[in-house]
C-alpha atoms as a PDB file:
ATOM      1  CA  MET A   1     119.586  82.724  77.282  1.00  0.00           C
ATOM      2  CA  SER A   2     122.281  84.124  79.524  1.00  0.00           C
ATOM      3  CA  PRO A   3     121.110  85.331  82.957  1.00  0.00           C
ATOM      4  CA  LEU A   4     122.474  88.731  81.932  1.00  0.00           C
ATOM      5  CA  ASP A   5     119.695  88.992  79.354  1.00  0.00           C
ATOM      6  CA  ARG A   6     117.073  88.844  82.081  1.00  0.00           C
ATOM      7  CA  VAL A   7     118.486  91.586  84.316  1.00  0.00           C
ATOM      8  CA  PRO A   8     116.490  94.812  83.808  1.00  0.00           C
ATOM      9  CA  LEU A   9     118.644  97.801  82.830  1.00  0.00           C
ATOM     10  CA  PRO A  10     117.791 101.266  84.204  1.00  0.00           C
ATOM     11  CA  GLY A  11     115.957 103.362  81.626  1.00  0.00           C
ATOM     12  CA  VAL A  12     115.651 100.502  79.132  1.00  0.00           C
ATOM     13  CA  ASN A  13     112.499  98.663  78.044  1.00  0.00           C
ATOM     14  CA  THR A  14     112.989  94.980  78.888  1.00  0.00           C
ATOM     15  CA  GLN A  15     111.109  93.843  75.766  1.00  0.00           C
ATOM     16  CA  PRO A  16     113.726  92.296  73.451  1.00  0.00           C
ATOM     17  CA  ALA A  17     114.398  94.187  70.259  1.00  0.00           C
ATOM     18  CA  ILE A  18     116.727  91.395  69.143  1.00  0.00           C
ATOM     19  CA  GLU A  19     116.801  87.775  70.316  1.00  0.00           C
ATOM     20  CA  ILE A  20     119.586  85.518  69.070  1.00  0.00           C
ATOM     21  CA  VAL A  21     119.770  81.850  70.074  1.00  0.00           C
ATOM     22  CA  ASP A  22     122.534  79.383  69.102  1.00  0.00           C
ATOM     23  CA  LEU A  23     123.304  81.212  65.875  1.00  0.00           C
ATOM     24  CA  ASP A  24     125.780  79.527  63.534  1.00  0.00           C
ATOM     25  CA  LEU A  25     127.082  80.835  60.220  1.00  0.00           C
ATOM     26  CA  SER A  26     129.425  78.982  57.884  1.00  0.00           C
ATOM     27  CA  TYR A  27     131.124  79.909  54.633  1.00  0.00           C
ATOM     28  CA  GLY A  28     131.909  76.501  53.206  1.00  0.00           C
ATOM     29  CA  ASP A  29     134.351  74.910  55.638  1.00  0.00           C
ATOM     30  CA  VAL A  30     134.869  78.156  57.560  1.00  0.00           C
ATOM     31  CA  GLN A  31     132.613  78.681  60.580  1.00  0.00           C
ATOM     32  CA  ALA A  32     132.219  82.438  61.083  1.00  0.00           C
ATOM     33  CA  LEU A  33     129.777  82.238  64.027  1.00  0.00           C
ATOM     34  CA  ARG A  34     129.451  79.482  66.629  1.00  0.00           C
ATOM     35  CA  LYS A  35     126.396  79.125  68.901  1.00  0.00           C
ATOM     36  CA  VAL A  36     126.064  82.878  69.471  1.00  0.00           C
ATOM     37  CA  THR A  37     123.302  83.674  71.980  1.00  0.00           C
ATOM     38  CA  PHE A  38     122.293  87.060  73.400  1.00  0.00           C
ATOM     39  CA  SER A  39     119.437  89.568  73.373  1.00  0.00           C
ATOM     40  CA  VAL A  40     119.207  93.345  73.016  1.00  0.00           C
ATOM     41  CA  SER A  41     116.536  95.235  74.965  1.00  0.00           C
ATOM     42  CA  THR A  42     114.329  97.837  73.333  1.00  0.00           C
ATOM     43  CA  GLY A  43     115.841 101.308  73.794  1.00  0.00           C
ATOM     44  CA  GLU A  44     119.373 100.036  74.371  1.00  0.00           C
ATOM     45  CA  ILE A  45     122.641 101.096  72.726  1.00  0.00           C
ATOM     46  CA  PHE A  46     124.391  97.760  72.275  1.00  0.00           C
ATOM     47  CA  GLY A  47     127.865  97.150  70.878  1.00  0.00           C
ATOM     48  CA  LEU A  48     129.524  94.205  69.154  1.00  0.00           C
ATOM     49  CA  LEU A  49     133.235  94.526  69.920  1.00  0.00           C
ATOM     50  CA  GLY A  50     135.932  92.460  68.290  1.00  0.00           C
ATOM     51  CA  PRO A  51     138.996  92.588  66.047  1.00  0.00           C
ATOM     52  CA  ASN A  52     138.849  91.915  62.326  1.00  0.00           C
ATOM     53  CA  GLY A  53     137.924  88.303  61.770  1.00  0.00           C
ATOM     54  CA  SER A  54     136.009  88.007  65.048  1.00  0.00           C
ATOM     55  CA  GLY A  55     132.622  87.473  63.366  1.00  0.00           C
ATOM     56  CA  LYS A  56     131.013  90.809  64.142  1.00  0.00           C
ATOM     57  CA  THR A  57     130.578  91.828  60.498  1.00  0.00           C
ATOM     58  CA  SER A  58     129.198  88.379  59.654  1.00  0.00           C
ATOM     59  CA  LEU A  59     126.647  88.778  62.444  1.00  0.00           C
ATOM     60  CA  PHE A  60     125.817  92.262  61.154  1.00  0.00           C
ATOM     61  CA  ARG A  61     125.117  90.814  57.705  1.00  0.00           C
ATOM     62  CA  VAL A  62     122.725  88.293  59.209  1.00  0.00           C
ATOM     63  CA  LEU A  63     120.962  91.044  61.177  1.00  0.00           C
ATOM     64  CA  THR A  64     120.511  93.102  58.016  1.00  0.00           C
ATOM     65  CA  THR A  65     119.087  90.059  56.142  1.00  0.00           C
ATOM     66  CA  LEU A  66     122.021  89.980  53.709  1.00  0.00           C
ATOM     67  CA  LEU A  67     122.959  86.467  54.882  1.00  0.00           C
ATOM     68  CA  SER A  68     120.917  83.576  56.242  1.00  0.00           C
ATOM     69  CA  PRO A  69     122.258  81.749  59.312  1.00  0.00           C
ATOM     70  CA  THR A  70     123.354  78.148  58.968  1.00  0.00           C
ATOM     71  CA  ALA A  71     121.572  77.237  62.217  1.00  0.00           C
ATOM     72  CA  GLY A  72     119.882  78.861  65.191  1.00  0.00           C
ATOM     73  CA  SER A  73     117.287  81.634  65.328  1.00  0.00           C
ATOM     74  CA  LEU A  74     117.223  85.423  65.198  1.00  0.00           C
ATOM     75  CA  LEU A  75     114.136  87.478  66.031  1.00  0.00           C
ATOM     76  CA  VAL A  76     113.740  91.240  65.564  1.00  0.00           C
ATOM     77  CA  PHE A  77     110.791  92.574  67.590  1.00  0.00           C
ATOM     78  CA  GLY A  78     109.395  89.049  67.548  1.00  0.00           C
ATOM     79  CA  GLU A  79     109.698  88.563  63.766  1.00  0.00           C
ATOM     80  CA  ASN A  80     111.836  85.671  62.526  1.00  0.00           C
ATOM     81  CA  ILE A  81     114.501  87.110  60.262  1.00  0.00           C
ATOM     82  CA  GLU A  82     114.406  84.137  57.878  1.00  0.00           C
ATOM     83  CA  ARG A  83     110.619  83.804  57.617  1.00  0.00           C
ATOM     84  CA  SER A  84     109.833  87.539  57.536  1.00  0.00           C
ATOM     85  CA  PRO A  85     112.857  89.425  56.156  1.00  0.00           C
ATOM     86  CA  ALA A  86     110.662  92.187  54.676  1.00  0.00           C
ATOM     87  CA  SER A  87     109.067  92.847  58.078  1.00  0.00           C
ATOM     88  CA  VAL A  88     112.506  93.104  59.671  1.00  0.00           C
ATOM     89  CA  ARG A  89     113.745  95.499  56.979  1.00  0.00           C
ATOM     90  CA  SER A  90     110.708  97.724  57.469  1.00  0.00           C
ATOM     91  CA  VAL A  91     111.531  98.377  61.156  1.00  0.00           C
ATOM     92  CA  ALA A  92     115.319  98.673  60.766  1.00  0.00           C
ATOM     93  CA  GLY A  93     117.578 101.445  59.516  1.00  0.00           C
ATOM     94  CA  VAL A  94     121.091 100.541  58.385  1.00  0.00           C
ATOM     95  CA  VAL A  95     124.359 102.468  58.136  1.00  0.00           C
ATOM     96  CA  PHE A  96     127.006 100.360  56.436  1.00  0.00           C
ATOM     97  CA  GLN A  97     130.741 100.729  56.926  1.00  0.00           C
ATOM     98  CA  SER A  98     131.156 101.571  53.236  1.00  0.00           C
ATOM     99  CA  GLN A  99     129.366 104.670  52.030  1.00  0.00           C
ATOM    100  CA  SER A 100     125.994 103.978  50.407  1.00  0.00           C
ATOM    101  CA  LEU A 101     125.329 107.503  49.138  1.00  0.00           C
ATOM    102  CA  ASP A 102     125.256 108.422  45.454  1.00  0.00           C
ATOM    103  CA  ARG A 103     128.107 110.928  45.267  1.00  0.00           C
ATOM    104  CA  LYS A 104     126.766 112.567  42.090  1.00  0.00           C
ATOM    105  CA  LEU A 105     123.337 113.343  43.564  1.00  0.00           C
ATOM    106  CA  THR A 106     122.414 116.077  46.022  1.00  0.00           C
ATOM    107  CA  VAL A 107     121.669 115.390  49.663  1.00  0.00           C
ATOM    108  CA  ILE A 108     117.932 115.806  49.066  1.00  0.00           C
ATOM    109  CA  GLU A 109     118.009 113.529  46.015  1.00  0.00           C
ATOM    110  CA  ASN A 110     119.709 110.798  48.055  1.00  0.00           C
ATOM    111  CA  LEU A 111     117.047 111.110  50.747  1.00  0.00           C
ATOM    112  CA  ARG A 112     114.247 111.126  48.195  1.00  0.00           C
ATOM    113  CA  HIS A 113     115.447 107.902  46.582  1.00  0.00           C
ATOM    114  CA  GLN A 114     115.745 106.275  50.017  1.00  0.00           C
ATOM    115  CA  GLY A 115     112.187 107.315  50.819  1.00  0.00           C
ATOM    116  CA  HIS A 116     110.903 105.739  47.605  1.00  0.00           C
ATOM    117  CA  LEU A 117     112.434 102.399  48.657  1.00  0.00           C
ATOM    118  CA  TYR A 118     110.227 102.497  51.766  1.00  0.00           C
ATOM    119  CA  GLY A 119     107.085 103.560  49.922  1.00  0.00           C
ATOM    120  CA  LEU A 120     107.196 107.229  50.923  1.00  0.00           C
ATOM    121  CA  ARG A 121     105.785 109.690  48.392  1.00  0.00           C
ATOM    122  CA  GLY A 122     104.498 113.234  47.987  1.00  0.00           C
ATOM    123  CA  GLY A 123     103.883 115.400  51.016  1.00  0.00           C
ATOM    124  CA  VAL A 124     104.832 112.718  53.519  1.00  0.00           C
ATOM    125  CA  LEU A 125     108.248 112.278  51.914  1.00  0.00           C
ATOM    126  CA  ARG A 126     108.819 116.036  51.712  1.00  0.00           C
ATOM    127  CA  GLN A 127     107.914 116.411  55.390  1.00  0.00           C
ATOM    128  CA  ARG A 128     110.166 113.533  56.502  1.00  0.00           C
ATOM    129  CA  THR A 129     113.036 114.875  54.395  1.00  0.00           C
ATOM    130  CA  ALA A 130     112.693 118.333  55.920  1.00  0.00           C
ATOM    131  CA  GLU A 131     112.592 116.806  59.423  1.00  0.00           C
ATOM    132  CA  VAL A 132     115.794 114.790  59.071  1.00  0.00           C
ATOM    133  CA  LEU A 133     117.627 117.637  57.345  1.00  0.00           C
ATOM    134  CA  GLU A 134     116.803 119.933  60.255  1.00  0.00           C
ATOM    135  CA  ARG A 135     117.599 117.291  62.856  1.00  0.00           C
ATOM    136  CA  PHE A 136     121.099 116.723  61.543  1.00  0.00           C
ATOM    137  CA  GLY A 137     121.914 120.331  60.705  1.00  0.00           C
ATOM    138  CA  LEU A 138     121.715 119.736  56.962  1.00  0.00           C
ATOM    139  CA  THR A 139     118.914 122.104  55.942  1.00  0.00           C
ATOM    140  CA  ASP A 140     121.275 124.547  54.237  1.00  0.00           C
ATOM    141  CA  ARG A 141     123.207 121.698  52.553  1.00  0.00           C
ATOM    142  CA  GLY A 142     120.246 119.904  50.972  1.00  0.00           C
ATOM    143  CA  SER A 143     121.095 121.095  47.453  1.00  0.00           C
ATOM    144  CA  ASP A 144     124.811 120.261  47.736  1.00  0.00           C
ATOM    145  CA  ILE A 145     126.256 117.414  45.673  1.00  0.00           C
ATOM    146  CA  VAL A 146     127.373 114.681  48.101  1.00  0.00           C
ATOM    147  CA  GLU A 147     130.916 114.456  46.714  1.00  0.00           C
ATOM    148  CA  VAL A 148     131.699 118.014  47.888  1.00  0.00           C
ATOM    149  CA  LEU A 149     130.786 117.226  51.517  1.00  0.00           C
ATOM    150  CA  SER A 150     133.316 116.388  54.237  1.00  0.00           C
ATOM    151  CA  GLY A 151     133.500 112.856  55.654  1.00  0.00           C
ATOM    152  CA  GLY A 152     131.679 113.916  58.803  1.00  0.00           C
ATOM    153  CA  MET A 153     128.941 115.633  56.816  1.00  0.00           C
ATOM    154  CA  ARG A 154     128.451 112.545  54.631  1.00  0.00           C
ATOM    155  CA  ARG A 155     128.111 110.409  57.769  1.00  0.00           C
ATOM    156  CA  ARG A 156     125.352 112.767  58.918  1.00  0.00           C
ATOM    157  CA  VAL A 157     123.574 112.248  55.604  1.00  0.00           C
ATOM    158  CA  GLU A 158     123.953 108.470  56.006  1.00  0.00           C
ATOM    159  CA  LEU A 159     122.346 108.678  59.443  1.00  0.00           C
ATOM    160  CA  ALA A 160     119.568 110.946  58.175  1.00  0.00           C
ATOM    161  CA  LYS A 161     118.895 108.491  55.345  1.00  0.00           C
ATOM    162  CA  SER A 162     118.747 105.531  57.715  1.00  0.00           C
ATOM    163  CA  ILE A 163     116.013 107.062  59.918  1.00  0.00           C
ATOM    164  CA  LEU A 164     113.889 108.600  57.157  1.00  0.00           C
ATOM    165  CA  HIS A 165     111.275 105.850  57.568  1.00  0.00           C
ATOM    166  CA  ARG A 166     111.369 106.175  61.389  1.00  0.00           C
ATOM    167  CA  PRO A 167     112.825 102.747  62.186  1.00  0.00           C
ATOM    168  CA  ARG A 168     112.601 101.231  65.663  1.00  0.00           C
ATOM    169  CA  LEU A 169     116.041  99.656  65.280  1.00  0.00           C
ATOM    170  CA  LEU A 170     119.232 101.245  63.945  1.00  0.00           C
ATOM    171  CA  LEU A 171     122.066  98.953  62.803  1.00  0.00           C
ATOM    172  CA  LEU A 172     125.513 100.468  62.244  1.00  0.00           C
ATOM    173  CA  ASP A 173     128.644  98.707  60.991  1.00  0.00           C
ATOM    174  CA  GLU A 174     131.847 100.444  62.165  1.00  0.00           C
ATOM    175  CA  PRO A 175     130.069 103.840  62.045  1.00  0.00           C
ATOM    176  CA  SER A 176     133.154 105.955  62.817  1.00  0.00           C
ATOM    177  CA  THR A 177     135.295 104.556  59.999  1.00  0.00           C
ATOM    178  CA  GLY A 178     137.152 107.363  58.230  1.00  0.00           C
ATOM    179  CA  LEU A 179     136.047 110.105  60.626  1.00  0.00           C
ATOM    180  CA  ASP A 180     138.406 112.425  62.466  1.00  0.00           C
ATOM    181  CA  PRO A 181     137.970 112.731  66.275  1.00  0.00           C
ATOM    182  CA  GLY A 182     135.773 115.833  66.015  1.00  0.00           C
ATOM    183  CA  ALA A 183     133.449 114.247  63.464  1.00  0.00           C
ATOM    184  CA  ARG A 184     133.271 111.072  65.565  1.00  0.00           C
ATOM    185  CA  ARG A 185     132.172 113.044  68.638  1.00  0.00           C
ATOM    186  CA  GLU A 186     129.546 114.876  66.582  1.00  0.00           C
ATOM    187  CA  PHE A 187     128.248 111.622  65.079  1.00  0.00           C
ATOM    188  CA  TRP A 188     127.863 110.101  68.539  1.00  0.00           C
ATOM    189  CA  GLN A 189     125.984 113.159  69.783  1.00  0.00           C
ATOM    190  CA  TYR A 190     123.406 112.638  67.038  1.00  0.00           C
ATOM    191  CA  LEU A 191     123.278 108.911  67.742  1.00  0.00           C
ATOM    192  CA  GLU A 192     122.716 109.369  71.480  1.00  0.00           C
ATOM    193  CA  ALA A 193     120.034 111.989  70.805  1.00  0.00           C
ATOM    194  CA  LEU A 194     118.185 109.507  68.577  1.00  0.00           C
ATOM    195  CA  ASN A 195     118.314 106.914  71.322  1.00  0.00           C
ATOM    196  CA  ARG A 196     117.335 109.314  74.094  1.00  0.00           C
ATOM    197  CA  GLN A 197     114.604 111.310  72.348  1.00  0.00           C
ATOM    198  CA  ASP A 198     113.028 108.683  70.088  1.00  0.00           C
ATOM    199  CA  GLY A 199     113.819 105.525  72.056  1.00  0.00           C
ATOM    200  CA  THR A 200     115.532 104.071  68.984  1.00  0.00           C
ATOM    201  CA  THR A 201     117.337 100.815  69.724  1.00  0.00           C
ATOM    202  CA  VAL A 202     120.903 100.949  68.421  1.00  0.00           C
ATOM    203  CA  LEU A 203     123.213  98.042  67.646  1.00  0.00           C
ATOM    204  CA  LEU A 204     126.665  98.786  66.289  1.00  0.00           C
ATOM    205  CA  THR A 205     129.846  96.911  65.490  1.00  0.00           C
ATOM    206  CA  THR A 206     133.188  98.438  66.425  1.00  0.00           C
ATOM    207  CA  HIS A 207     136.851  97.713  67.037  1.00  0.00           C
ATOM    208  CA  LEU A 208     137.383 101.084  68.748  1.00  0.00           C
ATOM    209  CA  MET A 209     137.622 100.935  72.533  1.00  0.00           C
ATOM    210  CA  ASP A 210     136.428 104.498  73.189  1.00  0.00           C
ATOM    211  CA  GLU A 211     133.384 103.881  71.004  1.00  0.00           C
ATOM    212  CA  ALA A 212     132.631 100.622  72.823  1.00  0.00           C
ATOM    213  CA  GLU A 213     132.748 102.494  76.148  1.00  0.00           C
ATOM    214  CA  LYS A 214     129.710 104.541  75.058  1.00  0.00           C
ATOM    215  CA  CYS A 215     127.493 101.466  74.702  1.00  0.00           C
ATOM    216  CA  ARG A 216     125.069 100.406  77.436  1.00  0.00           C
ATOM    217  CA  ARG A 217     126.222  96.805  77.027  1.00  0.00           C
ATOM    218  CA  LEU A 218     128.816  95.007  74.941  1.00  0.00           C
ATOM    219  CA  ALA A 219     129.129  91.572  73.421  1.00  0.00           C
ATOM    220  CA  ILE A 220     132.777  90.662  72.825  1.00  0.00           C
ATOM    221  CA  LEU A 221     133.383  88.290  69.919  1.00  0.00           C
ATOM    222  CA  ASN A 222     136.501  86.279  69.201  1.00  0.00           C
ATOM    223  CA  GLN A 223     136.821  83.892  66.252  1.00  0.00           C
ATOM    224  CA  GLY A 224     133.049  83.619  65.931  1.00  0.00           C
ATOM    225  CA  VAL A 225     132.419  82.906  69.619  1.00  0.00           C
ATOM    226  CA  LEU A 226     130.737  85.185  72.167  1.00  0.00           C
ATOM    227  CA  VAL A 227     133.354  85.306  74.943  1.00  0.00           C
ATOM    228  CA  ALA A 228     131.805  87.933  77.244  1.00  0.00           C
ATOM    229  CA  MET A 229     128.812  90.241  77.551  1.00  0.00           C
ATOM    230  CA  ASP A 230     127.975  92.932  80.098  1.00  0.00           C
ATOM    231  CA  THR A 231     128.243  96.659  80.719  1.00  0.00           C
ATOM    232  CA  PRO A 232     131.702  98.124  80.007  1.00  0.00           C
ATOM    233  CA  GLU A 233     132.352  98.719  83.717  1.00  0.00           C
ATOM    234  CA  ALA A 234     131.263  95.224  84.730  1.00  0.00           C
ATOM    235  CA  LEU A 235     133.477  93.711  82.047  1.00  0.00           C
ATOM    236  CA  LYS A 236     136.505  95.646  83.236  1.00  0.00           C
ATOM    237  CA  SER A 237     135.866  94.507  86.801  1.00  0.00           C
ATOM    238  CA  ARG A 238     136.509  90.919  85.660  1.00  0.00           C
ATOM    239  CA  VAL A 239     140.204  91.659  85.221  1.00  0.00           C
ATOM    240  CA  GLY A 240     142.108  90.657  88.342  1.00  0.00           C
ATOM    241  CA  GLY A 241     143.290  94.030  89.610  1.00  0.00           C
ATOM    242  CA  ASP A 242     145.702  96.482  88.002  1.00  0.00           C
ATOM    243  CA  VAL A 243     147.515  95.701  84.770  1.00  0.00           C
ATOM    244  CA  ILE A 244     151.325  95.730  84.869  1.00  0.00           C
ATOM    245  CA  VAL A 245     153.308  95.620  81.629  1.00  0.00           C
ATOM    246  CA  LEU A 246     157.076  95.046  81.779  1.00  0.00           C
ATOM    247  CA  ARG A 247     159.411  95.749  78.881  1.00  0.00           C
ATOM    248  CA  THR A 248     162.505  93.580  78.910  1.00  0.00           C
ATOM    249  CA  GLN A 249     165.185  92.010  76.678  1.00  0.00           C
ATOM    250  CA  ASP A 250     163.999  88.442  77.329  1.00  0.00           C
ATOM    251  CA  ALA A 251     160.262  88.395  78.016  1.00  0.00           C
ATOM    252  CA  LYS A 252     159.953  84.606  78.114  1.00  0.00           C
ATOM    253  CA  GLN A 253     162.710  84.189  80.673  1.00  0.00           C
ATOM    254  CA  LEU A 254     161.423  87.015  82.881  1.00  0.00           C
ATOM    255  CA  SER A 255     157.886  85.605  82.722  1.00  0.00           C
ATOM    256  CA  GLN A 256     159.064  82.215  83.905  1.00  0.00           C
ATOM    257  CA  SER A 257     161.124  83.766  86.686  1.00  0.00           C
ATOM    258  CA  ILE A 258     158.213  85.865  87.956  1.00  0.00           C
ATOM    259  CA  THR A 259     155.862  82.884  88.005  1.00  0.00           C
ATOM    260  CA  SER A 260     158.450  80.736  89.771  1.00  0.00           C
ATOM    261  CA  ARG A 261     159.248  83.354  92.423  1.00  0.00           C
ATOM    262  CA  PHE A 262     155.797  84.834  93.104  1.00  0.00           C
ATOM    263  CA  GLY A 263     153.407  82.133  91.861  1.00  0.00           C
ATOM    264  CA  VAL A 264     151.470  84.557  89.661  1.00  0.00           C
ATOM    265  CA  PRO A 265     150.605  84.202  85.942  1.00  0.00           C
ATOM    266  CA  ALA A 266     152.832  86.378  83.749  1.00  0.00           C
ATOM    267  CA  ALA A 267     151.825  86.355  80.095  1.00  0.00           C
ATOM    268  CA  VAL A 268     154.244  87.125  77.268  1.00  0.00           C
ATOM    269  CA  MET A 269     152.833  89.454  74.592  1.00  0.00           C
ATOM    270  CA  ASP A 270     154.791  91.274  71.906  1.00  0.00           C
ATOM    271  CA  ASN A 271     158.092  90.971  73.800  1.00  0.00           C
ATOM    272  CA  THR A 272     156.541  92.296  77.000  1.00  0.00           C
ATOM    273  CA  VAL A 273     155.398  90.605  80.200  1.00  0.00           C
ATOM    274  CA  ARG A 274     151.810  91.291  81.301  1.00  0.00           C
ATOM    275  CA  ILE A 275     150.553  90.721  84.863  1.00  0.00           C
ATOM    276  CA  GLU A 276     147.133  91.277  86.449  1.00  0.00           C
ATOM    277  CA  ARG A 277     147.562  92.060  90.140  1.00  0.00           C
ATOM    278  CA  PRO A 278     145.603  93.861  92.897  1.00  0.00           C
ATOM    279  CA  LYS A 279     147.562  96.818  94.326  1.00  0.00           C
ATOM    280  CA  GLY A 280     149.852  96.729  91.343  1.00  0.00           C
ATOM    281  CA  HIS A 281     151.916  99.712  92.511  1.00  0.00           C
ATOM    282  CA  GLU A 282     153.086  97.702  95.518  1.00  0.00           C
ATOM    283  CA  PHE A 283     153.929  94.650  93.435  1.00  0.00           C
ATOM    284  CA  ILE A 284     156.044  96.718  91.041  1.00  0.00           C
ATOM    285  CA  THR A 285     158.476  97.454  93.880  1.00  0.00           C
ATOM    286  CA  ASP A 286     158.875  93.730  94.551  1.00  0.00           C
ATOM    287  CA  LEU A 287     159.464  93.042  90.855  1.00  0.00           C
ATOM    288  CA  VAL A 288     162.128  95.711  90.404  1.00  0.00           C
ATOM    289  CA  GLU A 289     163.958  94.636  93.560  1.00  0.00           C
ATOM    290  CA  SER A 290     163.786  90.941  92.622  1.00  0.00           C
ATOM    291  CA  PHE A 291     165.027  91.322  89.053  1.00  0.00           C
ATOM    292  CA  PRO A 292     167.565  94.178  89.003  1.00  0.00           C
ATOM    293  CA  GLY A 293     168.715  95.140  85.540  1.00  0.00           C
ATOM    294  CA  GLN A 294     166.204  92.859  83.785  1.00  0.00           C
ATOM    295  CA  ILE A 295     163.299  95.318  83.551  1.00  0.00           C
ATOM    296  CA  ASP A 296     163.744  98.187  81.078  1.00  0.00           C
ATOM    297  CA  ALA A 297     160.363  99.891  81.598  1.00  0.00           C
ATOM    298  CA  VAL A 298     157.193  99.451  83.649  1.00  0.00           C
ATOM    299  CA  THR A 299     153.621 100.525  82.877  1.00  0.00           C
ATOM    300  CA  LEU A 300     150.807 100.415  85.435  1.00  0.00           C
ATOM    301  CA  SER A 301     147.174 100.991  84.454  1.00  0.00           C
ATOM    302  CA  LYS A 302     143.599 100.269  85.419  1.00  0.00           C
ATOM    303  CA  PRO A 303     141.890  97.607  83.261  1.00  0.00           C
ATOM    304  CA  SER A 304     140.626  98.688  79.845  1.00  0.00           C
ATOM    305  CA  LEU A 305     138.307  96.879  77.450  1.00  0.00           C
ATOM    306  CA  GLU A 306     141.392  95.722  75.568  1.00  0.00           C
ATOM    307  CA  ASP A 307     142.606  94.150  78.825  1.00  0.00           C
ATOM    308  CA  VAL A 308     139.219  92.418  79.136  1.00  0.00           C
ATOM    309  CA  PHE A 309     139.728  90.908  75.677  1.00  0.00           C
ATOM    310  CA  ILE A 310     143.205  89.682  76.635  1.00  0.00           C
ATOM    311  CA  HIS A 311     141.880  88.326  79.940  1.00  0.00           C
ATOM    312  CA  MET A 312     139.068  86.400  78.212  1.00  0.00           C
ATOM    313  CA  THR A 313     140.961  85.126  75.146  1.00  0.00           C
ATOM    314  CA  GLY A 314     144.621  84.960  76.159  1.00  0.00           C
ATOM    315  CA  HIS A 315     145.816  86.981  73.178  1.00  0.00           C
ATOM    316  CA  ASP A 316     146.161  90.601  72.153  1.00  0.00           C
ATOM    317  CA  PHE A 317     143.146  92.348  70.585  1.00  0.00           C
ATOM    318  CA  TRP A 318     145.073  93.293  67.449  1.00  0.00           C
ATOM    319  CA  ALA A 319     146.825  89.962  66.998  1.00  0.00           C
ATOM    320  CA  LYS A 320     143.883  88.403  65.152  1.00  0.00           C
ATOM    321  CA  ALA A 321     143.445  90.995  62.457  1.00  0.00           C
ATOM    322  CA  ASP A 322     142.805  89.652  58.938  1.00  0.00           C
END
């Protein structure tokens, strides 16, 4: 286990909700996950961040018992996911990236069918259904056919469905897919309330930087490998100072010239030159004076999670999309 897994987080139960050790997953000759190791504490909102093809969806499928790992171990509240998949399913709620609602049924009918899958019947099911409808502001929409609901409203129904059996763990795959900014904010308000009020542990996959910022901790995946894990702020502190991006006609030549003159790494990305430098505003003056006429535009910013990905992998976050 990484030492990070043993550092208590404020307001979080240190008992592991999820423990993953040396997890491998292969599809024939393609290795989707390579020796992935981390743990998620009970009561934590934890994010898996990575571009398409990074392995985060493959890991999500293992967590939801849809796939068995090739090697390694995965425990959910102490239960081995391969030996006791039914036990894991009973304590987990899942929201998939693709909609899992029956569009031709009403909201209440969708919830009722979900309850039956978890053995809920009669008065208990009616009570749970009423509770989740009220919690997500759906009481007056219970008789509506799902296909007439907005995307944001359907996402609310998905979330209500996933917690009907009161799971201890909530697993979400790209939960904001297809939502406009207002619906995304609303969805996160409900998610954070679940975590805060019920102590529900949340693990989600995402490729959205603003969504990743809301997580207590992040695991960054690249080509099936865990490249970094920490709080968003701690991850950003790993970048060596400010981020300077130079637009120029010949990025390769300018990069070489900067490295030769100042002895600093200058990476070429998408016809720009990228530099990490403390007190970047001061260094910009030196660059402009040293290379007159060669720099068309300059951008200076504090490190973002996308910069962390570039810093850890050496390539742009979006460059590895499928």
